[in-house]
């Protein structure tokens, strides 16, 4: 339990750090001098961050597994409790459960990717809006107000988009699966894929058109 608790805290901290680092890298003047297009530069930044999180999650899983095996082997009380719970349980891990686990992992990755993309969108779009304003009214307070306003617009658009896309994906799934069960995650996975692709396209446009690298001091 201690390993699970601190792993969760460490994963959350790593995620917040990578979010902050991503936006700093996007406008880093030195890194933007690399012989690579702006689109590839941005995509490489985002997907390497996702790969880093996946690698960290694997390390966490290995650590939790080792801790469990050590406790199971050397702690008699824990060993007996686990065996008793297993004997009383009627749960049987089958292929369907394995598919649900894989779907859950994919959904988690898509959610993390969408969060990265939303942060980039807030940063890029606010910078794009600020660039059209007169220099005399450009300040941090105005930039903060624009970002807060965009957050509300973004939340509203996501809610509307999910409501609009759900019936579209629900119909074909009903044909193949007859009924959409609580464990069927294909519908939300498809919705998240649509949003990820949409924000990738928007962010690439904003990044190529309006984001200028800054000298890192």
N, C-alpha and C. Protein backbone atom coordinates (compact mmCIF):
# COMPACT_ATOMS: atom_id res chain seq x y z
N UNK A 1 0.83 -1.20 0.00
CA UNK A 1 0.00 0.00 0.00
C UNK A 1 0.87 1.26 0.00
N UNK A 2 1.98 1.21 0.75
CA UNK A 2 2.89 2.36 0.75
C UNK A 2 3.48 2.59 -0.64
N UNK A 3 3.86 1.50 -1.30
CA UNK A 3 4.43 1.61 -2.65
C UNK A 3 3.41 2.19 -3.61
N UNK A 4 2.15 1.71 -3.54
CA UNK A 4 1.10 2.23 -4.40
C UNK A 4 0.86 3.71 -4.16
N UNK A 5 0.82 4.10 -2.88
CA UNK A 5 0.53 5.49 -2.52
C UNK A 5 1.63 6.43 -3.03
N UNK A 6 2.87 6.09 -2.73
CA UNK A 6 3.96 6.97 -3.15
C UNK A 6 4.21 6.90 -4.65
N UNK A 7 3.89 5.78 -5.29
CA UNK A 7 4.00 5.71 -6.74
C UNK A 7 3.00 6.65 -7.40
N UNK A 8 1.80 6.72 -6.84
CA UNK A 8 0.79 7.64 -7.38
C UNK A 8 1.25 9.08 -7.26
N UNK A 9 1.81 9.43 -6.10
CA UNK A 9 2.29 10.80 -5.89
C UNK A 9 3.45 11.11 -6.85
N UNK A 10 4.37 10.15 -7.00
CA UNK A 10 5.51 10.35 -7.89
C UNK A 10 5.06 10.50 -9.34
N UNK A 11 4.09 9.67 -9.76
CA UNK A 11 3.58 9.75 -11.14
C UNK A 11 2.90 11.09 -11.39
N UNK A 12 2.12 11.57 -10.42
CA UNK A 12 1.45 12.87 -10.57
C UNK A 12 2.47 14.00 -10.64
N UNK A 13 3.50 13.92 -9.80
CA UNK A 13 4.55 14.94 -9.82
C UNK A 13 5.29 14.94 -11.15
N UNK A 14 5.63 13.75 -11.65
CA UNK A 14 6.31 13.64 -12.94
C UNK A 14 5.45 14.21 -14.06
N UNK A 15 4.15 13.95 -14.02
CA UNK A 15 3.25 14.44 -15.05
C UNK A 15 3.21 15.97 -15.05
N UNK A 16 3.12 16.56 -13.86
CA UNK A 16 3.10 18.03 -13.75
C UNK A 16 4.42 18.63 -14.24
N UNK A 17 5.53 17.98 -13.91
CA UNK A 17 6.84 18.47 -14.35
C UNK A 17 6.96 18.42 -15.87
N UNK A 18 6.53 17.31 -16.46
CA UNK A 18 6.63 17.18 -17.92
C UNK A 18 5.71 18.17 -18.63
N UNK A 19 4.55 18.46 -18.03
CA UNK A 19 3.66 19.46 -18.61
C UNK A 19 4.35 20.82 -18.67
N UNK A 20 5.00 21.19 -17.58
CA UNK A 20 5.70 22.47 -17.53
C UNK A 20 6.90 22.48 -18.48
N UNK A 21 7.64 21.38 -18.52
CA UNK A 21 8.82 21.30 -19.38
C UNK A 21 8.44 21.34 -20.86
N UNK A 22 7.31 20.73 -21.20
CA UNK A 22 6.88 20.72 -22.60
C UNK A 22 6.70 22.12 -23.14
N UNK A 23 6.00 22.96 -22.37
CA UNK A 23 5.73 24.31 -22.84
C UNK A 23 7.00 25.16 -22.88
N UNK A 24 7.94 24.88 -21.97
CA UNK A 24 9.23 25.59 -22.01
C UNK A 24 10.05 25.17 -23.23
N UNK A 25 9.98 23.88 -23.57
CA UNK A 25 10.73 23.38 -24.73
C UNK A 25 10.16 23.93 -26.03
N UNK A 26 8.85 24.08 -26.09
CA UNK A 26 8.20 24.55 -27.33
C UNK A 26 8.70 25.92 -27.76
N UNK A 27 9.06 26.78 -26.80
CA UNK A 27 9.48 28.14 -27.15
C UNK A 27 10.98 28.34 -26.92
N UNK A 28 11.71 27.26 -26.71
CA UNK A 28 13.14 27.37 -26.47
C UNK A 28 13.87 27.69 -27.77
N UNK A 29 14.57 28.81 -27.79
CA UNK A 29 15.22 29.27 -29.01
C UNK A 29 16.34 28.35 -29.45
N UNK A 30 17.11 27.84 -28.50
CA UNK A 30 18.24 26.98 -28.85
C UNK A 30 17.77 25.67 -29.48
N UNK A 31 16.74 25.06 -28.88
CA UNK A 31 16.25 23.79 -29.39
C UNK A 31 15.54 23.95 -30.74
N UNK A 32 14.95 25.11 -30.97
CA UNK A 32 14.26 25.34 -32.24
C UNK A 32 15.24 25.48 -33.40
N UNK A 33 16.53 25.59 -33.10
CA UNK A 33 17.55 25.67 -34.16
C UNK A 33 17.93 24.30 -34.70
N UNK A 34 17.37 23.24 -34.12
CA UNK A 34 17.66 21.89 -34.60
C UNK A 34 17.17 21.71 -36.04
N UNK A 35 17.88 20.92 -36.86
CA UNK A 35 17.47 20.73 -38.26
C UNK A 35 16.24 19.82 -38.38
N UNK A 36 15.11 20.35 -37.96
CA UNK A 36 13.86 19.59 -37.98
C UNK A 36 12.72 20.59 -38.15
N UNK A 37 11.68 20.19 -38.83
CA UNK A 37 10.55 21.09 -39.05
C UNK A 37 9.83 21.37 -37.73
N UNK A 38 9.12 22.49 -37.70
CA UNK A 38 8.40 22.86 -36.49
C UNK A 38 7.36 21.81 -36.10
N UNK A 39 6.69 21.25 -37.10
CA UNK A 39 5.66 20.24 -36.82
C UNK A 39 6.26 19.01 -36.17
N UNK A 40 7.37 18.51 -36.75
CA UNK A 40 8.02 17.33 -36.18
C UNK A 40 8.60 17.64 -34.80
N UNK A 41 9.10 18.86 -34.64
CA UNK A 41 9.66 19.28 -33.36
C UNK A 41 8.59 19.23 -32.27
N UNK A 42 7.41 19.77 -32.56
CA UNK A 42 6.32 19.78 -31.58
C UNK A 42 5.82 18.36 -31.29
N UNK A 43 5.60 17.58 -32.33
CA UNK A 43 5.10 16.21 -32.14
C UNK A 43 6.11 15.36 -31.39
N UNK A 44 7.38 15.53 -31.70
CA UNK A 44 8.42 14.78 -30.99
C UNK A 44 8.42 15.13 -29.51
N UNK A 45 8.23 16.40 -29.20
CA UNK A 45 8.17 16.85 -27.81
C UNK A 45 7.02 16.20 -27.06
N UNK A 46 5.85 16.15 -27.68
CA UNK A 46 4.66 15.60 -27.03
C UNK A 46 4.78 14.09 -26.85
N UNK A 47 5.13 13.38 -27.92
CA UNK A 47 5.11 11.92 -27.87
C UNK A 47 6.27 11.34 -27.07
N UNK A 48 7.41 12.04 -27.01
CA UNK A 48 8.47 11.56 -26.13
C UNK A 48 8.08 11.71 -24.67
N UNK A 49 7.27 12.72 -24.37
CA UNK A 49 6.77 12.88 -23.00
C UNK A 49 5.84 11.74 -22.63
N UNK A 50 4.97 11.34 -23.57
CA UNK A 50 4.09 10.20 -23.34
C UNK A 50 4.91 8.93 -23.16
N UNK A 51 5.96 8.77 -23.97
CA UNK A 51 6.83 7.60 -23.84
C UNK A 51 7.53 7.59 -22.49
N UNK A 52 7.93 8.76 -22.01
CA UNK A 52 8.56 8.86 -20.69
C UNK A 52 7.61 8.42 -19.60
N UNK A 53 6.36 8.86 -19.69
CA UNK A 53 5.36 8.46 -18.70
C UNK A 53 5.11 6.96 -18.74
N UNK A 54 5.06 6.39 -19.95
CA UNK A 54 4.85 4.95 -20.08
C UNK A 54 6.01 4.18 -19.47
N UNK A 55 7.24 4.65 -19.71
CA UNK A 55 8.42 4.01 -19.14
C UNK A 55 8.38 4.08 -17.61
N UNK A 56 8.01 5.24 -17.10
CA UNK A 56 7.91 5.40 -15.64
C UNK A 56 6.83 4.49 -15.07
N UNK A 57 5.71 4.35 -15.78
CA UNK A 57 4.63 3.47 -15.32
C UNK A 57 5.09 2.02 -15.27
N UNK A 58 5.90 1.62 -16.26
CA UNK A 58 6.44 0.24 -16.26
C UNK A 58 7.35 0.03 -15.05
N UNK A 59 8.19 1.01 -14.74
CA UNK A 59 9.05 0.91 -13.56
C UNK A 59 8.21 0.81 -12.29
N UNK A 60 7.13 1.59 -12.24
CA UNK A 60 6.23 1.52 -11.08
C UNK A 60 5.61 0.13 -10.95
N UNK A 61 5.14 -0.41 -12.08
CA UNK A 61 4.52 -1.73 -12.05
C UNK A 61 5.51 -2.79 -11.58
N UNK A 62 6.76 -2.69 -12.05
CA UNK A 62 7.78 -3.65 -11.62
C UNK A 62 8.04 -3.52 -10.13
N UNK A 63 8.13 -2.29 -9.64
CA UNK A 63 8.35 -2.06 -8.21
C UNK A 63 7.21 -2.58 -7.35
N UNK A 64 5.98 -2.35 -7.80
CA UNK A 64 4.82 -2.84 -7.06
C UNK A 64 4.79 -4.37 -7.07
N UNK A 65 5.12 -4.96 -8.24
CA UNK A 65 5.13 -6.42 -8.33
C UNK A 65 6.18 -7.05 -7.43
N UNK A 66 7.37 -6.46 -7.39
CA UNK A 66 8.43 -6.98 -6.52
C UNK A 66 8.03 -6.85 -5.05
N UNK A 67 7.45 -5.70 -4.69
CA UNK A 67 7.01 -5.50 -3.30
C UNK A 67 5.94 -6.52 -2.90
N UNK A 68 5.02 -6.79 -3.83
CA UNK A 68 3.97 -7.75 -3.55
C UNK A 68 4.55 -9.15 -3.36
N UNK A 69 5.47 -9.54 -4.25
CA UNK A 69 6.06 -10.88 -4.16
C UNK A 69 6.88 -11.04 -2.88
N UNK A 70 7.61 -10.00 -2.48
CA UNK A 70 8.40 -10.07 -1.25
C UNK A 70 7.49 -10.21 -0.03
N UNK A 71 6.41 -9.40 -0.03
CA UNK A 71 5.47 -9.49 1.09
C UNK A 71 4.77 -10.84 1.11
N UNK A 72 4.42 -11.33 -0.07
CA UNK A 72 3.74 -12.62 -0.16
C UNK A 72 4.64 -13.77 0.30
N UNK A 73 5.94 -13.64 0.03
CA UNK A 73 6.87 -14.71 0.35
C UNK A 73 7.30 -14.70 1.82
N UNK A 74 7.52 -13.53 2.38
CA UNK A 74 8.14 -13.44 3.70
C UNK A 74 7.20 -12.99 4.82
N UNK A 75 6.03 -12.48 4.47
CA UNK A 75 5.07 -12.05 5.49
C UNK A 75 3.97 -13.11 5.58
N UNK A 76 3.99 -13.89 6.66
CA UNK A 76 3.03 -14.99 6.80
C UNK A 76 1.60 -14.52 6.86
N UNK A 77 1.34 -13.43 7.58
CA UNK A 77 -0.02 -12.92 7.69
C UNK A 77 -0.55 -12.47 6.33
N UNK A 78 0.29 -11.72 5.61
CA UNK A 78 -0.10 -11.25 4.28
C UNK A 78 -0.34 -12.42 3.34
N UNK A 79 0.52 -13.43 3.42
CA UNK A 79 0.40 -14.62 2.57
C UNK A 79 -0.94 -15.34 2.82
N UNK A 80 -1.26 -15.54 4.09
CA UNK A 80 -2.51 -16.24 4.42
C UNK A 80 -3.73 -15.43 4.04
N UNK A 81 -3.65 -14.11 4.22
CA UNK A 81 -4.79 -13.25 3.84
C UNK A 81 -5.04 -13.30 2.35
N UNK A 82 -3.96 -13.25 1.56
CA UNK A 82 -4.09 -13.29 0.10
C UNK A 82 -4.67 -14.63 -0.35
N UNK A 83 -4.17 -15.72 0.21
CA UNK A 83 -4.65 -17.03 -0.18
C UNK A 83 -6.10 -17.23 0.22
N UNK A 84 -6.48 -16.74 1.40
CA UNK A 84 -7.87 -16.85 1.85
C UNK A 84 -8.80 -16.07 0.94
N UNK A 85 -8.38 -14.84 0.60
CA UNK A 85 -9.20 -14.00 -0.29
C UNK A 85 -9.32 -14.64 -1.67
N UNK A 86 -8.23 -15.25 -2.14
CA UNK A 86 -8.25 -15.87 -3.46
C UNK A 86 -9.18 -17.09 -3.49
N UNK A 87 -9.16 -17.89 -2.42
CA UNK A 87 -10.01 -19.08 -2.35
C UNK A 87 -11.48 -18.72 -2.24
N UNK A 88 -11.79 -17.63 -1.56
CA UNK A 88 -13.19 -17.21 -1.41
C UNK A 88 -13.71 -16.49 -2.65
N UNK A 89 -12.81 -15.95 -3.42
CA UNK A 89 -13.22 -15.18 -4.59
C UNK A 89 -13.60 -16.10 -5.74
N UNK A 90 -14.63 -15.67 -6.47
CA UNK A 90 -15.07 -16.43 -7.65
C UNK A 90 -14.57 -15.79 -8.94
N UNK A 91 -13.72 -14.77 -8.80
CA UNK A 91 -13.21 -14.06 -9.98
C UNK A 91 -12.24 -14.93 -10.76
N UNK A 92 -12.43 -14.98 -12.07
CA UNK A 92 -11.55 -15.71 -12.97
C UNK A 92 -11.12 -14.76 -14.08
N UNK A 93 -9.81 -14.53 -14.18
CA UNK A 93 -9.29 -13.62 -15.20
C UNK A 93 -9.29 -14.31 -16.55
N UNK A 94 -10.09 -13.79 -17.48
CA UNK A 94 -10.20 -14.41 -18.80
C UNK A 94 -9.77 -13.43 -19.89
N UNK A 95 -9.99 -13.82 -21.13
CA UNK A 95 -9.57 -12.99 -22.27
C UNK A 95 -10.32 -11.67 -22.28
N UNK A 96 -11.60 -11.69 -21.96
CA UNK A 96 -12.39 -10.46 -21.95
C UNK A 96 -11.85 -9.47 -20.93
N UNK A 97 -11.48 -9.96 -19.76
CA UNK A 97 -10.90 -9.09 -18.74
C UNK A 97 -9.58 -8.51 -19.21
N UNK A 98 -8.78 -9.32 -19.90
CA UNK A 98 -7.50 -8.84 -20.42
C UNK A 98 -7.72 -7.72 -21.43
N UNK A 99 -8.74 -7.88 -22.29
CA UNK A 99 -9.05 -6.84 -23.27
C UNK A 99 -9.48 -5.55 -22.58
N UNK A 100 -10.26 -5.68 -21.51
CA UNK A 100 -10.70 -4.50 -20.76
C UNK A 100 -9.50 -3.77 -20.16
N UNK A 101 -8.54 -4.53 -19.64
CA UNK A 101 -7.32 -3.93 -19.07
C UNK A 101 -6.55 -3.16 -20.14
N UNK A 102 -6.39 -3.77 -21.32
CA UNK A 102 -5.68 -3.11 -22.42
C UNK A 102 -6.42 -1.85 -22.85
N UNK A 103 -7.75 -1.95 -22.95
CA UNK A 103 -8.55 -0.78 -23.32
C UNK A 103 -8.40 0.33 -22.29
N UNK A 104 -8.36 -0.03 -21.03
CA UNK A 104 -8.22 0.97 -19.97
C UNK A 104 -6.87 1.68 -20.07
N UNK A 105 -5.81 0.92 -20.37
CA UNK A 105 -4.48 1.51 -20.52
C UNK A 105 -4.44 2.45 -21.72
N UNK A 106 -5.06 2.03 -22.82
CA UNK A 106 -5.11 2.90 -24.01
C UNK A 106 -5.86 4.18 -23.71
N UNK A 107 -6.99 4.05 -23.00
CA UNK A 107 -7.78 5.22 -22.65
C UNK A 107 -6.99 6.17 -21.75
N UNK A 108 -6.22 5.61 -20.84
CA UNK A 108 -5.39 6.43 -19.95
C UNK A 108 -4.32 7.20 -20.75
N UNK A 109 -3.69 6.53 -21.71
CA UNK A 109 -2.68 7.18 -22.54
C UNK A 109 -3.31 8.30 -23.37
N UNK A 110 -4.48 8.03 -23.94
CA UNK A 110 -5.17 9.04 -24.75
C UNK A 110 -5.58 10.24 -23.90
N UNK A 111 -5.98 9.97 -22.65
CA UNK A 111 -6.36 11.07 -21.75
C UNK A 111 -5.14 11.92 -21.42
N UNK A 112 -4.00 11.28 -21.12
CA UNK A 112 -2.78 12.04 -20.82
C UNK A 112 -2.36 12.87 -22.03
N UNK A 113 -2.45 12.27 -23.21
CA UNK A 113 -2.11 12.99 -24.43
C UNK A 113 -3.02 14.19 -24.64
N UNK A 114 -4.32 14.00 -24.40
CA UNK A 114 -5.28 15.10 -24.56
C UNK A 114 -4.98 16.22 -23.58
N UNK A 115 -4.58 15.89 -22.36
CA UNK A 115 -4.27 16.92 -21.38
C UNK A 115 -3.05 17.73 -21.83
N UNK A 116 -2.02 17.05 -22.35
CA UNK A 116 -0.86 17.75 -22.92
C UNK A 116 -1.31 18.70 -24.03
N UNK A 117 -2.13 18.19 -24.93
CA UNK A 117 -2.56 18.98 -26.08
C UNK A 117 -3.41 20.17 -25.67
N UNK A 118 -4.25 19.99 -24.64
CA UNK A 118 -5.07 21.09 -24.16
C UNK A 118 -4.21 22.19 -23.55
N UNK A 119 -3.18 21.81 -22.80
CA UNK A 119 -2.28 22.82 -22.24
C UNK A 119 -1.56 23.59 -23.34
N UNK A 120 -1.11 22.87 -24.35
CA UNK A 120 -0.46 23.54 -25.48
C UNK A 120 -1.44 24.47 -26.19
N UNK A 121 -2.67 24.01 -26.35
CA UNK A 121 -3.68 24.84 -27.01
C UNK A 121 -3.92 26.13 -26.23
N UNK A 122 -4.03 26.03 -24.91
CA UNK A 122 -4.23 27.23 -24.09
C UNK A 122 -3.05 28.18 -24.23
N UNK A 123 -1.86 27.62 -24.24
CA UNK A 123 -0.66 28.45 -24.37
C UNK A 123 -0.57 29.08 -25.75
N UNK A 124 -0.72 28.28 -26.79
CA UNK A 124 -0.58 28.77 -28.16
C UNK A 124 -1.68 29.75 -28.53
N UNK A 125 -2.93 29.41 -28.20
CA UNK A 125 -4.04 30.28 -28.58
C UNK A 125 -3.99 31.62 -27.86
N UNK A 126 -3.62 31.61 -26.58
CA UNK A 126 -3.52 32.88 -25.85
C UNK A 126 -2.39 33.73 -26.42
N UNK A 127 -1.27 33.09 -26.79
CA UNK A 127 -0.17 33.83 -27.41
C UNK A 127 -0.59 34.39 -28.77
N UNK A 128 -1.37 33.61 -29.51
CA UNK A 128 -1.84 34.08 -30.81
C UNK A 128 -2.78 35.27 -30.66
N UNK A 129 -3.68 35.21 -29.67
CA UNK A 129 -4.61 36.32 -29.45
C UNK A 129 -3.86 37.56 -29.00
N UNK A 130 -2.91 37.39 -28.09
CA UNK A 130 -2.16 38.52 -27.55
C UNK A 130 -1.34 39.20 -28.64
N UNK A 131 -0.92 38.42 -29.66
CA UNK A 131 -0.09 39.00 -30.72
C UNK A 131 -0.87 39.99 -31.59
N UNK A 132 -2.20 39.90 -31.60
CA UNK A 132 -3.02 40.81 -32.39
C UNK A 132 -3.40 42.08 -31.64
N UNK A 133 -3.10 42.13 -30.33
CA UNK A 133 -3.47 43.28 -29.53
C UNK A 133 -2.39 44.35 -29.59
N UNK A 134 -2.77 45.61 -29.39
CA UNK A 134 -1.76 46.69 -29.36
C UNK A 134 -0.74 46.46 -28.25
N UNK A 135 0.49 46.88 -28.49
CA UNK A 135 1.55 46.66 -27.53
C UNK A 135 1.31 47.34 -26.21
N UNK A 136 0.52 48.42 -26.20
CA UNK A 136 0.31 49.19 -24.97
C UNK A 136 -0.54 48.45 -23.94
N UNK A 137 -1.31 47.43 -24.36
CA UNK A 137 -2.19 46.74 -23.41
C UNK A 137 -1.74 45.29 -23.18
N UNK A 138 -0.58 44.94 -23.69
CA UNK A 138 -0.08 43.59 -23.48
C UNK A 138 0.58 43.50 -22.10
N UNK A 139 0.03 42.67 -21.24
CA UNK A 139 0.62 42.46 -19.92
C UNK A 139 0.22 41.08 -19.41
N UNK A 140 0.84 40.66 -18.31
CA UNK A 140 0.59 39.32 -17.78
C UNK A 140 -0.84 39.15 -17.27
N UNK A 141 -1.42 40.22 -16.73
CA UNK A 141 -2.79 40.13 -16.22
C UNK A 141 -3.76 39.84 -17.35
N UNK A 142 -3.59 40.52 -18.47
CA UNK A 142 -4.46 40.29 -19.62
C UNK A 142 -4.26 38.89 -20.16
N UNK A 143 -3.01 38.43 -20.22
CA UNK A 143 -2.73 37.08 -20.69
C UNK A 143 -3.39 36.04 -19.79
N UNK A 144 -3.34 36.27 -18.48
CA UNK A 144 -3.99 35.35 -17.54
C UNK A 144 -5.49 35.33 -17.72
N UNK A 145 -6.09 36.53 -17.93
CA UNK A 145 -7.54 36.60 -18.16
C UNK A 145 -7.93 35.85 -19.42
N UNK A 146 -7.14 36.02 -20.48
CA UNK A 146 -7.45 35.33 -21.74
C UNK A 146 -7.38 33.82 -21.55
N UNK A 147 -6.41 33.35 -20.80
CA UNK A 147 -6.26 31.91 -20.58
C UNK A 147 -7.41 31.36 -19.75
N UNK A 148 -7.84 32.08 -18.72
CA UNK A 148 -8.99 31.64 -17.92
C UNK A 148 -10.24 31.59 -18.79
N UNK A 149 -10.41 32.60 -19.63
CA UNK A 149 -11.57 32.63 -20.53
C UNK A 149 -11.53 31.45 -21.49
N UNK A 150 -10.34 31.15 -22.00
CA UNK A 150 -10.21 30.02 -22.93
C UNK A 150 -10.46 28.69 -22.23
N UNK A 151 -10.11 28.59 -20.94
CA UNK A 151 -10.37 27.35 -20.19
C UNK A 151 -11.87 27.07 -20.15
N UNK A 152 -12.67 28.10 -19.85
CA UNK A 152 -14.12 27.92 -19.81
C UNK A 152 -14.67 27.56 -21.19
N UNK A 153 -14.17 28.22 -22.23
CA UNK A 153 -14.61 27.90 -23.59
C UNK A 153 -14.23 26.47 -23.96
N UNK A 154 -13.03 26.07 -23.55
CA UNK A 154 -12.54 24.72 -23.87
C UNK A 154 -13.37 23.66 -23.17
N UNK A 155 -13.67 23.86 -21.89
CA UNK A 155 -14.50 22.90 -21.16
C UNK A 155 -15.88 22.79 -21.79
N UNK A 156 -16.47 23.94 -22.13
CA UNK A 156 -17.79 23.96 -22.76
C UNK A 156 -17.76 23.21 -24.10
N UNK A 157 -16.71 23.44 -24.90
CA UNK A 157 -16.60 22.79 -26.21
C UNK A 157 -16.41 21.28 -26.06
N UNK A 158 -15.63 20.86 -25.07
CA UNK A 158 -15.42 19.43 -24.86
C UNK A 158 -16.70 18.73 -24.45
N UNK A 159 -17.46 19.35 -23.54
CA UNK A 159 -18.73 18.76 -23.11
C UNK A 159 -19.68 18.63 -24.29
N UNK A 160 -19.79 19.71 -25.09
CA UNK A 160 -20.66 19.67 -26.26
C UNK A 160 -20.18 18.63 -27.27
N UNK A 161 -18.86 18.55 -27.44
CA UNK A 161 -18.32 17.60 -28.41
C UNK A 161 -18.55 16.16 -28.00
N UNK A 162 -18.37 15.86 -26.72
CA UNK A 162 -18.60 14.50 -26.24
C UNK A 162 -20.06 14.11 -26.41
N UNK A 163 -20.96 15.04 -26.10
CA UNK A 163 -22.40 14.75 -26.26
C UNK A 163 -22.75 14.53 -27.73
N UNK A 164 -22.08 15.26 -28.61
CA UNK A 164 -22.39 15.13 -30.04
C UNK A 164 -21.79 13.86 -30.63
N UNK A 165 -20.61 13.47 -30.17
CA UNK A 165 -19.92 12.32 -30.74
C UNK A 165 -20.42 10.99 -30.18
N UNK A 166 -20.94 10.99 -28.96
CA UNK A 166 -21.36 9.74 -28.33
C UNK A 166 -22.40 8.98 -29.16
N UNK A 167 -23.49 9.63 -29.63
CA UNK A 167 -24.46 8.87 -30.45
C UNK A 167 -23.86 8.34 -31.75
N UNK A 168 -22.88 9.07 -32.31
CA UNK A 168 -22.28 8.64 -33.57
C UNK A 168 -21.54 7.31 -33.39
N UNK A 169 -20.80 7.20 -32.28
CA UNK A 169 -20.02 5.98 -32.04
C UNK A 169 -20.87 4.89 -31.39
N UNK A 170 -21.96 5.27 -30.77
CA UNK A 170 -22.78 4.29 -30.06
C UNK A 170 -23.49 3.35 -31.03
N UNK A 171 -23.91 3.89 -32.18
CA UNK A 171 -24.69 3.09 -33.13
C UNK A 171 -23.92 1.91 -33.69
N UNK A 172 -22.72 2.12 -34.26
CA UNK A 172 -21.99 0.95 -34.79
C UNK A 172 -21.58 -0.04 -33.72
N UNK A 173 -21.26 0.44 -32.51
CA UNK A 173 -20.88 -0.47 -31.43
C UNK A 173 -22.07 -1.34 -31.03
N UNK A 174 -23.27 -0.77 -31.08
CA UNK A 174 -24.46 -1.55 -30.75
C UNK A 174 -24.66 -2.68 -31.76
N UNK A 175 -24.26 -2.44 -33.02
CA UNK A 175 -24.39 -3.47 -34.04
C UNK A 175 -23.44 -4.63 -33.77
N UNK A 176 -22.18 -4.31 -33.43
CA UNK A 176 -21.17 -5.35 -33.25
C UNK A 176 -21.28 -6.04 -31.89
N UNK A 177 -21.65 -5.29 -30.87
CA UNK A 177 -21.66 -5.85 -29.51
C UNK A 177 -23.08 -6.03 -28.96
N UNK A 178 -24.11 -5.72 -29.78
CA UNK A 178 -25.52 -5.87 -29.42
C UNK A 178 -25.94 -4.91 -28.31
N UNK A 179 -25.15 -4.75 -27.31
CA UNK A 179 -25.43 -3.79 -26.26
C UNK A 179 -24.11 -3.28 -25.71
N UNK A 180 -24.09 -2.02 -25.35
CA UNK A 180 -22.87 -1.42 -24.83
C UNK A 180 -22.79 -1.67 -23.34
N UNK A 181 -21.89 -2.53 -22.92
CA UNK A 181 -21.74 -2.86 -21.51
C UNK A 181 -20.90 -1.82 -20.82
N UNK A 182 -20.87 -1.91 -19.48
CA UNK A 182 -20.09 -0.96 -18.69
C UNK A 182 -18.59 -1.15 -18.91
N UNK A 183 -18.21 -2.35 -19.34
CA UNK A 183 -16.79 -2.63 -19.56
C UNK A 183 -16.33 -2.33 -20.99
N UNK A 184 -17.26 -1.93 -21.83
CA UNK A 184 -16.90 -1.64 -23.22
C UNK A 184 -16.35 -0.22 -23.30
N UNK A 185 -15.06 -0.10 -23.55
CA UNK A 185 -14.40 1.21 -23.58
C UNK A 185 -14.07 1.68 -24.99
N UNK A 186 -14.56 0.95 -25.99
CA UNK A 186 -14.24 1.34 -27.35
C UNK A 186 -14.84 2.69 -27.72
N UNK A 187 -16.02 2.98 -27.22
CA UNK A 187 -16.65 4.27 -27.52
C UNK A 187 -15.86 5.45 -26.97
N UNK A 188 -15.55 5.48 -25.67
CA UNK A 188 -14.73 6.61 -25.18
C UNK A 188 -13.34 6.66 -25.80
N UNK A 189 -12.76 5.51 -26.13
CA UNK A 189 -11.46 5.51 -26.80
C UNK A 189 -11.56 6.23 -28.14
N UNK A 190 -12.60 5.92 -28.90
CA UNK A 190 -12.78 6.56 -30.21
C UNK A 190 -13.00 8.06 -30.07
N UNK A 191 -13.76 8.46 -29.05
CA UNK A 191 -14.01 9.89 -28.82
C UNK A 191 -12.72 10.61 -28.46
N UNK A 192 -11.91 10.00 -27.60
CA UNK A 192 -10.65 10.62 -27.22
C UNK A 192 -9.70 10.70 -28.41
N UNK A 193 -9.71 9.70 -29.28
CA UNK A 193 -8.86 9.74 -30.48
C UNK A 193 -9.26 10.93 -31.35
N UNK A 194 -10.57 11.14 -31.50
CA UNK A 194 -11.04 12.27 -32.32
C UNK A 194 -10.58 13.59 -31.73
N UNK A 195 -10.72 13.76 -30.42
CA UNK A 195 -10.29 15.00 -29.79
C UNK A 195 -8.77 15.17 -29.87
N UNK A 196 -8.03 14.09 -29.70
CA UNK A 196 -6.57 14.18 -29.80
C UNK A 196 -6.14 14.64 -31.19
N UNK A 197 -6.72 14.03 -32.21
CA UNK A 197 -6.37 14.41 -33.57
C UNK A 197 -6.76 15.86 -33.87
N UNK A 198 -7.93 16.27 -33.35
CA UNK A 198 -8.39 17.65 -33.56
C UNK A 198 -7.42 18.64 -32.93
N UNK A 199 -7.03 18.40 -31.68
CA UNK A 199 -6.14 19.33 -31.01
C UNK A 199 -4.73 19.29 -31.58
N UNK A 200 -4.30 18.13 -32.06
CA UNK A 200 -3.00 18.06 -32.72
C UNK A 200 -2.99 18.96 -33.96
N UNK A 201 -4.05 18.89 -34.76
CA UNK A 201 -4.13 19.71 -35.98
C UNK A 201 -4.16 21.20 -35.63
N UNK A 202 -4.97 21.57 -34.64
CA UNK A 202 -5.06 22.98 -34.25
C UNK A 202 -3.73 23.48 -33.69
N UNK A 203 -3.12 22.68 -32.81
CA UNK A 203 -1.87 23.10 -32.19
C UNK A 203 -0.74 23.24 -33.21
N UNK A 204 -0.70 22.32 -34.18
CA UNK A 204 0.33 22.42 -35.21
C UNK A 204 0.17 23.70 -36.01
N UNK A 205 -1.07 24.06 -36.32
CA UNK A 205 -1.31 25.30 -37.05
C UNK A 205 -0.88 26.51 -36.23
N UNK A 206 -1.29 26.58 -34.97
CA UNK A 206 -0.93 27.71 -34.11
C UNK A 206 0.58 27.76 -33.88
N UNK A 207 1.18 26.59 -33.69
CA UNK A 207 2.62 26.53 -33.41
C UNK A 207 3.43 27.02 -34.61
N UNK A 208 3.01 26.62 -35.80
CA UNK A 208 3.74 27.02 -37.01
C UNK A 208 3.53 28.48 -37.37
N UNK A 209 2.36 29.02 -37.03
CA UNK A 209 2.01 30.37 -37.49
C UNK A 209 2.31 31.47 -36.47
N UNK A 210 2.15 31.16 -35.17
CA UNK A 210 2.14 32.26 -34.19
C UNK A 210 3.17 32.14 -33.07
N UNK A 211 3.79 30.98 -32.91
CA UNK A 211 4.69 30.80 -31.77
C UNK A 211 6.13 31.03 -32.21
N UNK A 212 6.72 32.07 -31.66
CA UNK A 212 8.11 32.40 -31.95
C UNK A 212 8.99 31.96 -30.79
N UNK A 213 10.16 31.39 -31.09
CA UNK A 213 11.06 30.97 -30.01
C UNK A 213 11.61 32.17 -29.26
N UNK A 214 11.86 31.97 -27.97
CA UNK A 214 12.39 33.03 -27.12
C UNK A 214 13.77 32.64 -26.62
N UNK A 215 14.57 33.64 -26.37
CA UNK A 215 15.90 33.40 -25.85
C UNK A 215 15.78 33.03 -24.38
N UNK A 216 16.35 31.88 -24.02
CA UNK A 216 16.28 31.40 -22.64
C UNK A 216 17.33 32.09 -21.79
N UNK A 217 16.88 32.83 -20.77
CA UNK A 217 17.78 33.58 -19.92
C UNK A 217 17.99 32.85 -18.59
